Amino acid sequence: MFDESKIALQFAAVSDLQHGYKPQMIEFFDTGERGRAGFRQLQELARKYNDRGLDAVFFAGDIINNAKASQVESFKEVYEAVFDPAKVPFIFCLGNHDIYSGRPYTYQELNMDVFYR
């Protein structure tokens, strides 16, 4: 039987934010604000079960929209507006939007070190 008082680890599983996406028809669409709001909502839900909230965030690809270092750096600001990465690690794998650079699945346009910084 599930006992919520004995939760040892809480993590969020997220994918496909595609930070930096700008639809042509929707001027007010802001993936940064949507990301912050989503992370805040996940943290608030986790805090219903313990004071510390989430222990980690797992992200299954498509963090950014089109493989731009500026999008990675901007996403970092979104994440750190809600979480301290030293306390809530961001664990990820890359998706096609993270590595696509105009040529099928190459890393030529993006220095991958930016993801690890």
Protein backbone atom coordinates (compact mmCIF):
# COMPACT_ATOMS: atom_id res chain seq x y z
CA MET A 1 0.00 0.00 0.00
CA PHE A 2 1.30 3.46 -0.90
CA ASP A 3 2.37 5.54 2.09
CA GLU A 4 3.09 9.16 1.10
CA SER A 5 4.84 9.77 4.42
CA LYS A 6 7.64 7.44 3.29
CA ILE A 7 8.55 9.02 -0.05
CA ALA A 8 12.33 8.81 -0.35
CA LEU A 9 12.85 10.50 -3.73
CA GLN A 10 10.73 12.88 -5.76
CA PHE A 11 11.60 13.76 -9.32
CA ALA A 12 9.87 15.34 -12.28
CA ALA A 13 10.00 13.79 -15.74
CA VAL A 14 9.69 16.44 -18.45
CA SER A 15 10.20 16.68 -22.19
CA ASP A 16 9.65 18.87 -25.23
CA LEU A 17 9.65 22.39 -23.83
CA GLN A 18 11.46 23.45 -27.03
CA HIS A 19 12.61 26.64 -25.33
CA GLY A 20 12.95 29.46 -27.83
CA TYR A 21 10.03 28.34 -30.01
CA LYS A 22 8.21 31.36 -31.45
CA PRO A 23 5.04 30.53 -33.39
CA GLN A 24 4.34 33.04 -36.15
CA MET A 25 0.68 33.51 -35.32
CA ILE A 26 0.91 33.89 -31.52
CA GLU A 27 2.89 36.96 -30.43
CA PHE A 28 2.36 36.43 -26.68
CA PHE A 29 3.68 32.85 -26.65
CA ASP A 30 6.68 32.71 -24.29
CA THR A 31 8.40 29.37 -23.68
CA GLY A 32 10.47 30.98 -20.93
CA GLU A 33 7.43 31.94 -18.89
CA ARG A 34 5.75 28.62 -19.64
CA GLY A 35 8.88 26.80 -18.48
CA ARG A 36 9.13 28.78 -15.24
CA ALA A 37 5.42 28.31 -14.54
CA GLY A 38 5.64 24.59 -15.23
CA PHE A 39 8.69 24.12 -13.00
CA ARG A 40 7.02 26.13 -10.21
CA GLN A 41 3.90 24.01 -10.50
CA LEU A 42 5.93 20.78 -10.30
CA GLN A 43 7.83 22.07 -7.25
CA GLU A 44 4.59 23.12 -5.49
CA LEU A 45 3.05 19.71 -6.12
CA ALA A 46 6.15 17.96 -4.75
CA ARG A 47 6.08 20.15 -1.62
CA LYS A 48 2.66 18.74 -0.77
CA TYR A 49 4.50 15.53 0.16
CA ASN A 50 7.60 16.97 1.85
CA ASP A 51 9.20 20.32 2.61
CA ARG A 52 12.17 19.89 0.29
CA GLY A 53 10.12 19.43 -2.90
CA LEU A 54 11.78 17.84 -5.90
CA ASP A 55 15.08 16.02 -5.63
CA ALA A 56 15.81 16.12 -9.39
CA VAL A 57 14.37 16.98 -12.77
CA PHE A 58 14.79 14.47 -15.60
CA PHE A 59 14.37 15.97 -19.07
CA ALA A 60 13.87 13.60 -22.00
CA GLY A 61 14.92 15.76 -24.93
CA ASP A 62 13.94 18.83 -26.89
CA ILE A 63 15.00 21.23 -24.16
CA ILE A 64 15.49 23.97 -26.75
CA ASN A 65 13.93 24.52 -30.15
CA ASN A 66 16.65 24.73 -32.77
CA ALA A 67 20.12 24.00 -31.47
CA LYS A 68 21.22 27.53 -30.57
CA ALA A 69 23.66 28.17 -27.75
CA SER A 70 21.67 31.31 -26.85
CA GLN A 71 18.59 29.14 -26.28
CA VAL A 72 20.56 26.83 -23.97
CA GLU A 73 21.83 29.81 -21.97
CA SER A 74 18.34 31.30 -21.79
CA PHE A 75 16.87 27.96 -20.67
CA LYS A 76 19.49 27.80 -17.91
CA GLU A 77 18.11 31.10 -16.58
CA VAL A 78 14.57 29.68 -16.67
CA TYR A 79 15.61 26.58 -14.71
CA GLU A 80 17.65 28.52 -12.18
CA ALA A 81 14.79 30.96 -11.58
CA VAL A 82 12.97 28.05 -9.91
CA PHE A 83 15.63 25.55 -8.83
CA ASP A 84 19.13 25.63 -7.42
CA PRO A 85 20.94 23.07 -9.62
CA ALA A 86 23.18 22.11 -6.68
CA LYS A 87 20.08 20.99 -4.78
CA VAL A 88 17.82 19.91 -7.65
CA PRO A 89 20.03 18.48 -10.41
CA PHE A 90 18.92 18.78 -14.02
CA ILE A 91 19.52 15.38 -15.64
CA PHE A 92 18.89 15.26 -19.37
CA CYS A 93 19.30 13.56 -22.69
CA LEU A 94 19.22 15.45 -25.96
CA GLY A 95 16.45 15.34 -28.52
CA ASN A 96 16.39 16.15 -32.20
CA HIS A 97 15.57 19.84 -31.58
CA ASP A 98 18.61 20.12 -29.30
CA ILE A 99 21.07 18.91 -31.92
CA TYR A 100 19.49 19.70 -35.29
CA SER A 101 21.48 22.37 -37.04
CA GLY A 102 20.02 22.56 -40.52
CA ARG A 103 21.79 19.41 -41.56
CA PRO A 104 20.34 16.08 -40.49
CA TYR A 105 21.46 15.45 -36.91
CA THR A 106 24.87 17.06 -36.86
CA TYR A 107 26.62 19.02 -34.14
CA GLN A 108 28.36 21.42 -36.52
CA GLU A 109 26.44 24.57 -35.53
CA LEU A 110 26.36 24.05 -31.75
CA ASN A 111 29.18 23.61 -29.30
CA MET A 112 27.83 20.81 -27.11
CA ASP A 113 29.80 22.06 -24.10
CA VAL A 114 27.12 24.72 -23.64
CA PHE A 115 24.70 22.01 -22.46
CA TYR A 116 27.13 20.89 -19.77
CA ARG A 117 27.89 24.38 -18.48
